[in-house]
C-alpha atoms as a PDB file:
ATOM      1  CA  MET A   1       0.007   0.001   0.000  1.00  0.00           C
ATOM      2  CA  ARG A   2       1.189   3.476  -0.860  1.00  0.00           C
ATOM      3  CA  ALA A   3       2.150   5.747   2.010  1.00  0.00           C
ATOM      4  CA  ALA A   4      -0.002   8.665   3.021  1.00  0.00           C
ATOM      5  CA  GLY A   5       1.450  11.085   0.497  1.00  0.00           C
ATOM      6  CA  ALA A   6      -0.573   9.432  -2.247  1.00  0.00           C
ATOM      7  CA  PHE A   7      -1.009  11.083  -5.597  1.00  0.00           C
ATOM      8  CA  THR A   8      -3.286  12.514  -8.224  1.00  0.00           C
ATOM      9  CA  ILE A   9      -2.602  11.677 -11.858  1.00  0.00           C
ATOM     10  CA  ILE A  10      -3.570  14.168 -14.568  1.00  0.00           C
ATOM     11  CA  LEU A  11      -4.335  12.466 -17.882  1.00  0.00           C
ATOM     12  CA  LEU A  12      -4.463  14.483 -21.088  1.00  0.00           C
ATOM     13  CA  ILE A  13      -6.190  12.126 -23.494  1.00  0.00           C
ATOM     14  CA  SER A  14      -5.797  12.746 -27.231  1.00  0.00           C
ATOM     15  CA  SER A  15      -5.836   9.924 -29.757  1.00  0.00           C
ATOM     16  CA  PHE A  16      -5.624   7.626 -26.705  1.00  0.00           C
ATOM     17  CA  ALA A  17      -2.249   9.039 -25.581  1.00  0.00           C
ATOM     18  CA  CYS A  18      -1.789   9.906 -21.907  1.00  0.00           C
ATOM     19  CA  ALA A  19       0.501  12.342 -20.101  1.00  0.00           C
ATOM     20  CA  GLN A  20       0.729  12.067 -16.322  1.00  0.00           C
ATOM     21  CA  VAL A  21       1.638  14.559 -13.588  1.00  0.00           C
ATOM     22  CA  ALA A  22       1.640  13.541  -9.888  1.00  0.00           C
ATOM     23  CA  GLN A  23       0.004  15.534  -7.090  1.00  0.00           C
ATOM     24  CA  ASP A  24      -0.602  14.927  -3.403  1.00  0.00           C
ATOM     25  CA  SER A  25      -4.060  13.760  -2.301  1.00  0.00           C
ATOM     26  CA  LYS A  26      -3.040  13.513   1.385  1.00  0.00           C
ATOM     27  CA  THR A  27      -4.544  10.045   1.868  1.00  0.00           C
ATOM     28  CA  ASP A  28      -3.935   6.384   1.070  1.00  0.00           C
ATOM     29  CA  VAL A  29      -7.444   5.053   1.627  1.00  0.00           C
ATOM     30  CA  GLN A  30      -9.698   3.318  -0.898  1.00  0.00           C
ATOM     31  CA  LEU A  31     -11.639   6.070  -2.702  1.00  0.00           C
ATOM     32  CA  ARG A  32     -14.945   5.111  -4.342  1.00  0.00           C
ATOM     33  CA  GLY A  33     -16.987   8.313  -4.641  1.00  0.00           C
ATOM     34  CA  ILE A  34     -16.349  11.234  -6.974  1.00  0.00           C
ATOM     35  CA  SER A  35     -18.474  14.228  -7.955  1.00  0.00           C
ATOM     36  CA  ALA A  36     -17.272  16.754 -10.528  1.00  0.00           C
ATOM     37  CA  VAL A  37     -18.663  20.250 -10.285  1.00  0.00           C
ATOM     38  CA  SER A  38     -16.288  21.866 -12.791  1.00  0.00           C
ATOM     39  CA  SER A  39     -12.733  21.536 -14.071  1.00  0.00           C
ATOM     40  CA  LYS A  40     -11.649  23.218 -10.832  1.00  0.00           C
ATOM     41  CA  VAL A  41     -14.082  21.906  -8.216  1.00  0.00           C
ATOM     42  CA  ALA A  42     -14.560  18.246  -7.276  1.00  0.00           C
ATOM     43  CA  TRP A  43     -15.394  16.223  -4.169  1.00  0.00           C
ATOM     44  CA  ALA A  44     -14.226  12.658  -3.442  1.00  0.00           C
ATOM     45  CA  SER A  45     -15.065  10.128  -0.728  1.00  0.00           C
ATOM     46  CA  GLY A  46     -14.010   6.762   0.592  1.00  0.00           C
ATOM     47  CA  ALA A  47     -13.054   4.557   3.534  1.00  0.00           C
ATOM     48  CA  LYS A  48     -12.260   5.621   7.097  1.00  0.00           C
ATOM     49  CA  GLY A  49     -14.706   8.527   6.966  1.00  0.00           C
ATOM     50  CA  THR A  50     -12.770  10.184   4.169  1.00  0.00           C
ATOM     51  CA  VAL A  51     -14.212  13.176   2.300  1.00  0.00           C
ATOM     52  CA  LEU A  52     -11.963  15.356   0.126  1.00  0.00           C
ATOM     53  CA  ARG A  53     -12.445  18.573  -1.842  1.00  0.00           C
ATOM     54  CA  THR A  54     -10.462  20.556  -4.361  1.00  0.00           C
ATOM     55  CA  ILE A  55     -11.323  24.029  -5.633  1.00  0.00           C
ATOM     56  CA  ASP A  56      -8.191  24.548  -7.743  1.00  0.00           C
ATOM     57  CA  GLY A  57      -8.230  21.643 -10.172  1.00  0.00           C
ATOM     58  CA  GLY A  58      -6.416  19.267  -7.869  1.00  0.00           C
ATOM     59  CA  GLU A  59      -3.418  21.379  -6.922  1.00  0.00           C
ATOM     60  CA  MET A  60      -4.543  20.940  -3.339  1.00  0.00           C
ATOM     61  CA  TRP A  61      -7.013  18.490  -1.788  1.00  0.00           C
ATOM     62  CA  GLU A  62      -8.586  19.368   1.545  1.00  0.00           C
ATOM     63  CA  THR A  63      -9.556  16.616   3.982  1.00  0.00           C
ATOM     64  CA  MET A  64     -12.973  17.139   5.567  1.00  0.00           C
ATOM     65  CA  VAL A  65     -13.789  16.014   9.106  1.00  0.00           C
ATOM     66  CA  ILE A  66     -17.241  14.615   9.854  1.00  0.00           C
ATOM     67  CA  VAL A  67     -17.475  14.196  13.606  1.00  0.00           C
ATOM     68  CA  GLY A  68     -18.567  10.688  14.565  1.00  0.00           C
ATOM     69  CA  ALA A  69     -18.077   9.308  11.073  1.00  0.00           C
ATOM     70  CA  GLU A  70     -14.408   8.318  11.265  1.00  0.00           C
ATOM     71  CA  ALA A  71     -15.128   4.584  10.807  1.00  0.00           C
ATOM     72  CA  LEU A  72     -17.698   4.943   8.034  1.00  0.00           C
ATOM     73  CA  ASP A  73     -17.152   4.006   4.383  1.00  0.00           C
ATOM     74  CA  PHE A  74     -18.412   6.864   2.172  1.00  0.00           C
ATOM     75  CA  ARG A  75     -19.055   5.166  -1.185  1.00  0.00           C
ATOM     76  CA  ASP A  76     -21.019   8.042  -2.741  1.00  0.00           C
ATOM     77  CA  VAL A  77     -20.761  11.812  -2.917  1.00  0.00           C
ATOM     78  CA  GLN A  78     -22.883  14.348  -4.784  1.00  0.00           C
ATOM     79  CA  ALA A  79     -21.730  17.964  -4.914  1.00  0.00           C
ATOM     80  CA  PHE A  80     -23.509  20.971  -6.378  1.00  0.00           C
ATOM     81  CA  ASP A  81     -20.865  23.664  -5.854  1.00  0.00           C
ATOM     82  CA  GLN A  82     -17.735  24.230  -3.813  1.00  0.00           C
ATOM     83  CA  ASN A  83     -19.797  24.604  -0.634  1.00  0.00           C
ATOM     84  CA  THR A  84     -22.661  22.113  -0.988  1.00  0.00           C
ATOM     85  CA  ALA A  85     -22.271  18.329  -0.954  1.00  0.00           C
ATOM     86  CA  PHE A  86     -24.023  15.173   0.239  1.00  0.00           C
ATOM     87  CA  VAL A  87     -22.192  11.945   1.173  1.00  0.00           C
ATOM     88  CA  LEU A  88     -23.589   8.466   1.702  1.00  0.00           C
ATOM     89  CA  SER A  89     -21.941   5.758   3.795  1.00  0.00           C
ATOM     90  CA  ILE A  90     -22.708   2.085   3.233  1.00  0.00           C
ATOM     91  CA  GLY A  91     -23.146  -0.883   5.485  1.00  0.00           C
ATOM     92  CA  PRO A  92     -25.817  -2.771   7.425  1.00  0.00           C
ATOM     93  CA  GLY A  93     -28.044  -1.007   9.909  1.00  0.00           C
ATOM     94  CA  ASP A  94     -26.881   2.382  11.163  1.00  0.00           C
ATOM     95  CA  GLN A  95     -23.670   2.260   9.103  1.00  0.00           C
ATOM     96  CA  SER A  96     -25.795   3.491   6.192  1.00  0.00           C
ATOM     97  CA  ARG A  97     -26.070   7.248   6.646  1.00  0.00           C
ATOM     98  CA  ILE A  98     -26.382  10.482   4.698  1.00  0.00           C
ATOM     99  CA  TYR A  99     -24.616  13.735   5.662  1.00  0.00           C
ATOM    100  CA  LYS A 100     -24.741  17.165   4.058  1.00  0.00           C
ATOM    101  CA  THR A 101     -22.595  20.289   4.196  1.00  0.00           C
ATOM    102  CA  ALA A 102     -23.589  23.726   2.940  1.00  0.00           C
ATOM    103  CA  ASP A 103     -20.466  25.605   4.030  1.00  0.00           C
ATOM    104  CA  GLY A 104     -17.613  23.840   2.282  1.00  0.00           C
ATOM    105  CA  GLY A 105     -17.242  21.041   4.820  1.00  0.00           C
ATOM    106  CA  ARG A 106     -16.886  22.981   8.054  1.00  0.00           C
ATOM    107  CA  ILE A 107     -20.225  21.744   9.420  1.00  0.00           C
ATOM    108  CA  TRP A 108     -21.919  18.480   8.425  1.00  0.00           C
ATOM    109  CA  GLN A 109     -25.513  17.653   9.273  1.00  0.00           C
ATOM    110  CA  ARG A 110     -26.499  14.010   9.607  1.00  0.00           C
ATOM    111  CA  GLN A 111     -29.731  13.810   7.591  1.00  0.00           C
ATOM    112  CA  PHE A 112     -30.415  10.067   7.602  1.00  0.00           C
ATOM    113  CA  THR A 113     -29.501   7.022   9.670  1.00  0.00           C
ATOM    114  CA  ASN A 114     -30.750   3.618   8.591  1.00  0.00           C
ATOM    115  CA  ASN A 115     -32.646   1.912  11.403  1.00  0.00           C
ATOM    116  CA  ASP A 116     -33.440  -1.355   9.583  1.00  0.00           C
ATOM    117  CA  PRO A 117     -30.749  -3.956  10.416  1.00  0.00           C
ATOM    118  CA  LYS A 118     -31.587  -5.812   7.184  1.00  0.00           C
ATOM    119  CA  ALA A 119     -31.187  -2.780   4.931  1.00  0.00           C
ATOM    120  CA  PHE A 120     -27.915  -1.735   3.289  1.00  0.00           C
ATOM    121  CA  TYR A 121     -27.978   1.467   1.249  1.00  0.00           C
ATOM    122  CA  ASP A 122     -25.721   1.318  -1.796  1.00  0.00           C
ATOM    123  CA  CYS A 123     -25.939   4.613  -3.666  1.00  0.00           C
ATOM    124  CA  PHE A 124     -27.932   7.774  -4.258  1.00  0.00           C
ATOM    125  CA  ALA A 125     -28.654  10.168  -7.130  1.00  0.00           C
ATOM    126  CA  PHE A 126     -30.219  13.601  -7.477  1.00  0.00           C
ATOM    127  CA  TRP A 127     -32.520  15.359  -9.923  1.00  0.00           C
ATOM    128  CA  ASP A 128     -31.435  18.711  -8.479  1.00  0.00           C
ATOM    129  CA  ARG A 129     -29.981  20.021  -5.239  1.00  0.00           C
ATOM    130  CA  THR A 130     -33.214  19.498  -3.272  1.00  0.00           C
ATOM    131  CA  HIS A 131     -34.584  16.275  -4.816  1.00  0.00           C
ATOM    132  CA  GLY A 132     -32.693  12.988  -4.420  1.00  0.00           C
ATOM    133  CA  ILE A 133     -33.244   9.260  -3.993  1.00  0.00           C
ATOM    134  CA  ALA A 134     -31.268   6.361  -2.481  1.00  0.00           C
ATOM    135  CA  VAL A 135     -31.663   2.602  -2.870  1.00  0.00           C
ATOM    136  CA  SER A 136     -30.893  -0.273  -0.499  1.00  0.00           C
ATOM    137  CA  ASP A 137     -30.207  -3.928  -1.152  1.00  0.00           C
ATOM    138  CA  SER A 138     -33.401  -5.927  -1.146  1.00  0.00           C
ATOM    139  CA  VAL A 139     -35.157  -6.710   2.113  1.00  0.00           C
ATOM    140  CA  ASP A 140     -37.834  -9.420   2.179  1.00  0.00           C
ATOM    141  CA  GLY A 141     -38.253  -9.288  -1.607  1.00  0.00           C
ATOM    142  CA  LYS A 142     -38.395  -5.489  -1.877  1.00  0.00           C
ATOM    143  CA  PHE A 143     -35.846  -2.747  -2.564  1.00  0.00           C
ATOM    144  CA  PRO A 144     -36.198  -0.064   0.155  1.00  0.00           C
ATOM    145  CA  LEU A 145     -35.928   3.487  -1.167  1.00  0.00           C
ATOM    146  CA  ILE A 146     -35.632   6.842   0.571  1.00  0.00           C
ATOM    147  CA  SER A 147     -35.937  10.275  -0.948  1.00  0.00           C
ATOM    148  CA  THR A 148     -35.680  13.979  -0.146  1.00  0.00           C
ATOM    149  CA  SER A 149     -37.795  16.789  -1.593  1.00  0.00           C
ATOM    150  CA  ASP A 150     -36.150  19.635   0.295  1.00  0.00           C
ATOM    151  CA  GLY A 151     -32.496  18.641   0.410  1.00  0.00           C
ATOM    152  CA  MET A 152     -32.744  18.282   4.187  1.00  0.00           C
ATOM    153  CA  ASN A 153     -35.077  15.477   5.212  1.00  0.00           C
ATOM    154  CA  TRP A 154     -35.100  11.879   3.954  1.00  0.00           C
ATOM    155  CA  SER A 155     -38.088   9.564   4.252  1.00  0.00           C
ATOM    156  CA  PRO A 156     -39.178   6.199   2.801  1.00  0.00           C
ATOM    157  CA  VAL A 157     -40.574   6.332  -0.721  1.00  0.00           C
ATOM    158  CA  VAL A 158     -44.184   5.200  -0.761  1.00  0.00           C
ATOM    159  CA  VAL A 159     -43.970   2.681  -3.603  1.00  0.00           C
ATOM    160  CA  LYS A 160     -47.253   1.809  -5.298  1.00  0.00           C
ATOM    161  CA  LYS A 161     -45.918  -0.787  -7.704  1.00  0.00           C
ATOM    162  CA  MET A 162     -42.540  -2.522  -7.991  1.00  0.00           C
ATOM    163  CA  PRO A 163     -41.602  -5.964  -9.302  1.00  0.00           C
ATOM    164  CA  ALA A 164     -40.320  -8.232  -6.556  1.00  0.00           C
ATOM    165  CA  ALA A 165     -36.613  -8.707  -5.999  1.00  0.00           C
ATOM    166  CA  LEU A 166     -35.347 -12.196  -6.735  1.00  0.00           C
ATOM    167  CA  PRO A 167     -33.601 -14.207  -4.016  1.00  0.00           C
ATOM    168  CA  SER A 168     -30.027 -12.891  -3.559  1.00  0.00           C
ATOM    169  CA  GLU A 169     -30.591 -10.061  -6.062  1.00  0.00           C
ATOM    170  CA  GLY A 170     -28.970  -6.826  -4.927  1.00  0.00           C
ATOM    171  CA  ALA A 171     -27.190  -3.643  -5.956  1.00  0.00           C
ATOM    172  CA  PHE A 172     -23.460  -2.943  -5.855  1.00  0.00           C
ATOM    173  CA  ALA A 173     -21.912  -0.163  -3.771  1.00  0.00           C
ATOM    174  CA  ALA A 174     -18.676  -0.164  -5.769  1.00  0.00           C
ATOM    175  CA  SER A 175     -18.803   3.411  -7.045  1.00  0.00           C
ATOM    176  CA  GLY A 176     -21.978   5.150  -5.873  1.00  0.00           C
ATOM    177  CA  THR A 177     -23.397   4.906  -9.388  1.00  0.00           C
ATOM    178  CA  CYS A 178     -25.738   1.909  -9.246  1.00  0.00           C
ATOM    179  CA  ILE A 179     -28.611   4.429  -9.449  1.00  0.00           C
ATOM    180  CA  ALA A 180     -29.062   7.206 -12.044  1.00  0.00           C
ATOM    181  CA  THR A 181     -31.516  10.039 -12.627  1.00  0.00           C
ATOM    182  CA  PHE A 182     -32.441  12.198 -15.611  1.00  0.00           C
ATOM    183  CA  GLY A 183     -34.668  15.229 -16.087  1.00  0.00           C
ATOM    184  CA  MET A 184     -37.125  15.849 -13.263  1.00  0.00           C
ATOM    185  CA  ASN A 185     -38.740  12.434 -12.754  1.00  0.00           C
ATOM    186  CA  ASP A 186     -36.832   9.483 -14.282  1.00  0.00           C
ATOM    187  CA  VAL A 187     -34.721   7.169 -12.158  1.00  0.00           C
ATOM    188  CA  TRP A 188     -33.068   3.798 -12.836  1.00  0.00           C
ATOM    189  CA  PHE A 189     -31.093   1.342 -10.685  1.00  0.00           C
ATOM    190  CA  GLY A 190     -29.182  -1.772 -11.671  1.00  0.00           C
ATOM    191  CA  THR A 191     -28.858  -5.113  -9.910  1.00  0.00           C
ATOM    192  CA  GLY A 192     -26.646  -8.190  -9.901  1.00  0.00           C
ATOM    193  CA  GLY A 193     -26.333 -11.710  -8.580  1.00  0.00           C
ATOM    194  CA  PRO A 194     -28.744 -14.205 -10.152  1.00  0.00           C
ATOM    195  CA  VAL A 195     -29.829 -11.613 -12.735  1.00  0.00           C
ATOM    196  CA  ALA A 196     -28.605  -8.305 -14.139  1.00  0.00           C
ATOM    197  CA  ARG A 197     -31.725  -6.161 -14.230  1.00  0.00           C
ATOM    198  CA  VAL A 198     -32.557  -2.494 -14.531  1.00  0.00           C
ATOM    199  CA  PHE A 199     -35.507  -1.058 -12.598  1.00  0.00           C
ATOM    200  CA  HIS A 200     -37.045   2.163 -13.956  1.00  0.00           C
ATOM    201  CA  SER A 201     -39.475   4.719 -12.554  1.00  0.00           C
ATOM    202  CA  GLY A 202     -40.842   7.701 -14.413  1.00  0.00           C
ATOM    203  CA  ASP A 203     -42.448   9.285 -11.342  1.00  0.00           C
ATOM    204  CA  ARG A 204     -39.568   9.582  -8.858  1.00  0.00           C
ATOM    205  CA  GLY A 205     -39.936   6.100  -7.433  1.00  0.00           C
ATOM    206  CA  LYS A 206     -43.651   5.557  -6.944  1.00  0.00           C
ATOM    207  CA  ASN A 207     -44.154   3.043  -9.774  1.00  0.00           C
ATOM    208  CA  TRP A 208     -41.492   0.784 -11.259  1.00  0.00           C
ATOM    209  CA  THR A 209     -40.932  -1.555 -14.182  1.00  0.00           C
ATOM    210  CA  VAL A 210     -37.983  -3.905 -14.647  1.00  0.00           C
ATOM    211  CA  ALA A 211     -36.039  -5.250 -17.611  1.00  0.00           C
ATOM    212  CA  GLU A 212     -33.415  -7.958 -17.887  1.00  0.00           C
ATOM    213  CA  THR A 213     -30.073  -7.130 -19.496  1.00  0.00           C
ATOM    214  CA  PRO A 214     -27.393  -9.316 -21.124  1.00  0.00           C
ATOM    215  CA  ILE A 215     -24.748  -8.090 -18.686  1.00  0.00           C
ATOM    216  CA  LEU A 216     -22.811 -10.975 -17.100  1.00  0.00           C
ATOM    217  CA  HIS A 217     -24.730 -12.473 -14.120  1.00  0.00           C
ATOM    218  CA  GLY A 218     -25.285 -15.670 -12.167  1.00  0.00           C
ATOM    219  CA  ALA A 219     -22.781 -15.318  -9.344  1.00  0.00           C
ATOM    220  CA  ALA A 220     -22.809 -12.961  -6.354  1.00  0.00           C
ATOM    221  CA  THR A 221     -19.809 -11.080  -7.827  1.00  0.00           C
ATOM    222  CA  GLN A 222     -21.491 -10.456 -11.186  1.00  0.00           C
ATOM    223  CA  GLY A 223     -24.019  -7.990 -12.549  1.00  0.00           C
ATOM    224  CA  ILE A 224     -24.613  -4.305 -13.248  1.00  0.00           C
ATOM    225  CA  PHE A 225     -22.347  -1.992 -11.222  1.00  0.00           C
ATOM    226  CA  SER A 226     -23.114   1.376 -12.813  1.00  0.00           C
ATOM    227  CA  LEU A 227     -25.640   3.227 -14.959  1.00  0.00           C
ATOM    228  CA  ALA A 228     -25.576   6.523 -16.869  1.00  0.00           C
ATOM    229  CA  PHE A 229     -28.313   8.224 -18.933  1.00  0.00           C
ATOM    230  CA  TRP A 230     -27.853  11.280 -21.155  1.00  0.00           C
ATOM    231  CA  THR A 231     -31.510  11.459 -22.316  1.00  0.00           C
ATOM    232  CA  ALA A 232     -34.685   9.884 -21.001  1.00  0.00           C
ATOM    233  CA  LYS A 233     -34.244   7.178 -23.659  1.00  0.00           C
ATOM    234  CA  ASP A 234     -30.491   6.756 -24.077  1.00  0.00           C
ATOM    235  CA  GLY A 235     -28.341   5.090 -21.432  1.00  0.00           C
ATOM    236  CA  VAL A 236     -25.637   2.537 -20.682  1.00  0.00           C
ATOM    237  CA  ALA A 237     -24.972  -0.109 -18.070  1.00  0.00           C
ATOM    238  CA  VAL A 238     -21.545  -1.474 -17.182  1.00  0.00           C
ATOM    239  CA  GLY A 239     -20.348  -4.217 -14.852  1.00  0.00           C
ATOM    240  CA  GLY A 240     -19.176  -7.776 -15.183  1.00  0.00           C
ATOM    241  CA  ASP A 241     -17.426  -9.839 -12.491  1.00  0.00           C
ATOM    242  CA  TYR A 242     -15.218  -7.936 -10.064  1.00  0.00           C
ATOM    243  CA  LYS A 243     -13.268 -11.108  -9.356  1.00  0.00           C
ATOM    244  CA  GLU A 244     -12.312 -11.363 -13.045  1.00  0.00           C
ATOM    245  CA  ALA A 245     -11.051  -7.852 -13.683  1.00  0.00           C
ATOM    246  CA  THR A 246      -9.732  -8.476 -17.208  1.00  0.00           C
ATOM    247  CA  LYS A 247     -12.724 -10.402 -18.554  1.00  0.00           C
ATOM    248  CA  GLY A 248     -14.372  -8.065 -21.048  1.00  0.00           C
ATOM    249  CA  GLU A 249     -17.276 -10.164 -22.334  1.00  0.00           C
ATOM    250  CA  GLN A 250     -20.756  -8.982 -21.313  1.00  0.00           C
ATOM    251  CA  THR A 251     -19.455  -5.962 -19.427  1.00  0.00           C
ATOM    252  CA  ALA A 252     -21.457  -3.200 -21.179  1.00  0.00           C
ATOM    253  CA  ALA A 253     -24.920  -2.762 -22.655  1.00  0.00           C
ATOM    254  CA  PHE A 254     -26.880   0.161 -24.064  1.00  0.00           C
ATOM    255  CA  THR A 255     -30.543   1.178 -24.424  1.00  0.00           C
ATOM    256  CA  HIS A 256     -32.401   3.606 -26.683  1.00  0.00           C
ATOM    257  CA  ASP A 257     -35.879   3.122 -25.224  1.00  0.00           C
ATOM    258  CA  GLY A 258     -35.431   4.249 -21.625  1.00  0.00           C
ATOM    259  CA  GLY A 259     -34.312   0.859 -20.353  1.00  0.00           C
ATOM    260  CA  LYS A 260     -37.089  -1.335 -21.730  1.00  0.00           C
ATOM    261  CA  THR A 261     -34.588  -3.294 -23.838  1.00  0.00           C
ATOM    262  CA  TRP A 262     -30.818  -3.617 -23.701  1.00  0.00           C
ATOM    263  CA  SER A 263     -28.180  -4.720 -26.227  1.00  0.00           C
ATOM    264  CA  LEU A 264     -24.607  -5.789 -25.574  1.00  0.00           C
ATOM    265  CA  ALA A 265     -21.763  -3.548 -26.772  1.00  0.00           C
ATOM    266  CA  THR A 266     -20.338  -4.872 -30.041  1.00  0.00           C
ATOM    267  CA  LYS A 267     -16.846  -4.047 -28.790  1.00  0.00           C
ATOM    268  CA  PRO A 268     -16.925  -4.115 -24.949  1.00  0.00           C
ATOM    269  CA  PRO A 269     -14.575  -2.517 -22.438  1.00  0.00           C
ATOM    270  CA  GLN A 270     -11.321  -4.343 -21.719  1.00  0.00           C
ATOM    271  CA  GLY A 271     -12.601  -5.800 -18.469  1.00  0.00           C
ATOM    272  CA  TYR A 272     -14.929  -5.465 -15.481  1.00  0.00           C
ATOM    273  CA  ARG A 273     -16.041  -1.863 -15.054  1.00  0.00           C
ATOM    274  CA  SER A 274     -17.393  -0.455 -11.764  1.00  0.00           C
ATOM    275  CA  ALA A 275     -18.436   2.996 -12.997  1.00  0.00           C
ATOM    276  CA  VAL A 276     -19.482   4.853 -16.135  1.00  0.00           C
ATOM    277  CA  ALA A 277     -20.010   8.566 -16.722  1.00  0.00           C
ATOM    278  CA  THR A 278     -21.173  10.676 -19.668  1.00  0.00           C
ATOM    279  CA  ASP A 279     -20.897  14.241 -20.878  1.00  0.00           C
ATOM    280  CA  SER A 280     -23.745  13.611 -23.416  1.00  0.00           C
ATOM    281  CA  SER A 281     -21.426  12.902 -26.338  1.00  0.00           C
ATOM    282  CA  ARG A 282     -18.769  10.643 -24.825  1.00  0.00           C
ATOM    283  CA  LEU A 283     -18.707   7.910 -22.215  1.00  0.00           C
ATOM    284  CA  VAL A 284     -15.873   6.890 -19.937  1.00  0.00           C
ATOM    285  CA  ALA A 285     -15.928   3.641 -17.949  1.00  0.00           C
ATOM    286  CA  VAL A 286     -13.393   2.650 -15.299  1.00  0.00           C
ATOM    287  CA  GLY A 287     -12.558  -0.440 -13.296  1.00  0.00           C
ATOM    288  CA  THR A 288      -9.739  -2.263 -11.586  1.00  0.00           C
ATOM    289  CA  SER A 289      -8.095  -3.167 -14.901  1.00  0.00           C
ATOM    290  CA  GLY A 290      -8.298   0.261 -16.569  1.00  0.00           C
ATOM    291  CA  ALA A 291     -10.503   2.747 -18.381  1.00  0.00           C
ATOM    292  CA  ASP A 292     -12.283   2.846 -21.729  1.00  0.00           C
ATOM    293  CA  VAL A 293     -14.045   5.460 -23.852  1.00  0.00           C
ATOM    294  CA  SER A 294     -17.071   5.243 -26.142  1.00  0.00           C
ATOM    295  CA  ARG A 295     -18.115   7.881 -28.661  1.00  0.00           C
ATOM    296  CA  ASP A 296     -21.103   6.006 -30.122  1.00  0.00           C
ATOM    297  CA  GLY A 297     -23.466   5.711 -27.187  1.00  0.00           C
ATOM    298  CA  GLY A 298     -21.853   2.645 -25.627  1.00  0.00           C
ATOM    299  CA  LYS A 299     -21.917   0.385 -28.707  1.00  0.00           C
ATOM    300  CA  SER A 300     -18.115   0.161 -28.942  1.00  0.00           C
ATOM    301  CA  TRP A 301     -15.364   0.971 -26.499  1.00  0.00           C
ATOM    302  CA  ALA A 302     -11.630   1.745 -26.851  1.00  0.00           C
ATOM    303  CA  SER A 303      -9.041   1.363 -24.128  1.00  0.00           C
ATOM    304  CA  LEU A 304      -7.625   4.567 -22.579  1.00  0.00           C
ATOM    305  CA  PHE A 305      -5.181   3.385 -19.912  1.00  0.00           C
ATOM    306  CA  ALA A 306      -4.601   0.618 -17.398  1.00  0.00           C
ATOM    307  CA  ASN A 307      -4.845   2.484 -14.070  1.00  0.00           C
ATOM    308  CA  ASN A 308      -6.768   0.753 -11.286  1.00  0.00           C
ATOM    309  CA  LEU A 309      -9.828   2.973 -10.650  1.00  0.00           C
ATOM    310  CA  ASN A 310     -13.209   2.671  -8.927  1.00  0.00           C
ATOM    311  CA  ALA A 311     -15.367   5.626  -9.982  1.00  0.00           C
ATOM    312  CA  VAL A 312     -15.519   8.399 -12.589  1.00  0.00           C
ATOM    313  CA  ALA A 313     -17.436  11.641 -13.175  1.00  0.00           C
ATOM    314  CA  LEU A 314     -17.440  13.974 -16.182  1.00  0.00           C
ATOM    315  CA  VAL A 315     -18.272  17.652 -16.553  1.00  0.00           C
ATOM    316  CA  GLY A 316     -17.950  19.188 -20.004  1.00  0.00           C
ATOM    317  CA  ASN A 317     -14.606  18.093 -21.488  1.00  0.00           C
ATOM    318  CA  SER A 318     -13.118  17.339 -18.073  1.00  0.00           C
ATOM    319  CA  GLY A 319     -13.327  14.324 -15.863  1.00  0.00           C
ATOM    320  CA  TRP A 320     -12.327  13.033 -12.464  1.00  0.00           C
ATOM    321  CA  ALA A 321     -11.785   9.495 -11.294  1.00  0.00           C
ATOM    322  CA  VAL A 322     -10.748   7.811  -8.037  1.00  0.00           C
ATOM    323  CA  GLY A 323      -9.240   4.532  -6.961  1.00  0.00           C
ATOM    324  CA  PRO A 324      -7.253   2.698  -4.314  1.00  0.00           C
ATOM    325  CA  ASP A 325      -4.406   4.152  -2.237  1.00  0.00           C
ATOM    326  CA  GLY A 326      -5.832   7.682  -2.416  1.00  0.00           C
ATOM    327  CA  LYS A 327      -5.574   7.790  -6.199  1.00  0.00           C
ATOM    328  CA  ILE A 328      -7.391  10.655  -7.902  1.00  0.00           C
ATOM    329  CA  VAL A 329      -7.279  11.217 -11.656  1.00  0.00           C
ATOM    330  CA  THR A 330      -8.290  14.328 -13.566  1.00  0.00           C
ATOM    331  CA  ILE A 331      -9.132  13.677 -17.195  1.00  0.00           C
ATOM    332  CA  GLN A 332      -9.121  16.186 -20.066  1.00  0.00           C
ATOM    333  CA  LEU A 333     -10.935  14.849 -23.120  1.00  0.00           C
ATOM    334  CA  ASN A 334      -9.300  16.250 -26.248  1.00  0.00           C
ATOM    335  CA  PHE A 335     -10.907  14.080 -28.900  1.00  0.00           C
ATOM    336  CA  HIS A 336     -11.983  15.807 -32.102  1.00  0.00           C
END
């Protein structure tokens, strides 16, 4: 494991060539959450209660302190500006929590603590800074959901209709991107284990449909790990088997009908991918064996580099990704 002066790698990607410059991230923990606000502002999160922020493009990363959260594993972060961010920790029972800061990380308010010992919240997503939704692994055949409509208070979603979860079907908390939103009402989440399915709601979680995908499934380590949508109809799912990092078959699928049907990528990523992000014209997927890019809506993918990464976020032509040992990567997309 790398010592606590871990680094940030800046990748300038043009014709799949990469240039790298090291910076200090001040941590060596496993990072799994990343939220890009701009090319200058980003927030990251991970193990041991870690929350980081940069406001200068990664020249300096600040470590945030959330009192009482030092042992939590923050797998997801959603930021809206340099002052406002939500973080979600994962785990059974009260290890699943949501905190928010509105002053750049000086004060954090605990907004949600899971009181169900069977529930395990994996990820959250937001329509805007006051409306968000989080999903748990299945409990007694159902996927518990919580939402906020004011950016302050979280409560259980009153679900009118949702297909039942299959035995051992669950979501993956690998990158905080197992759930995705678009517009003002659409939300999707992906599952794994015995099946690789995508659940969709067009009314913020009240009513749901589900569709099977051809993503690799069957074992507890297999399934959909991440989703991204750039319209209400167009989206991608990535995943595979995290125990077989270099196995590329059945690791990516795309949809053009809002998730009703899914097709495998004709040229998939180079291996298991735990996260995918889009800037509406390009897609970047990352995993433990590297990163790939797609410029045709997820139908074909080309390898970018072989860095071990967990999560990725894009904003405009810039991107940010995180991985083990405090690794943070800023990406500049220079394709023409």
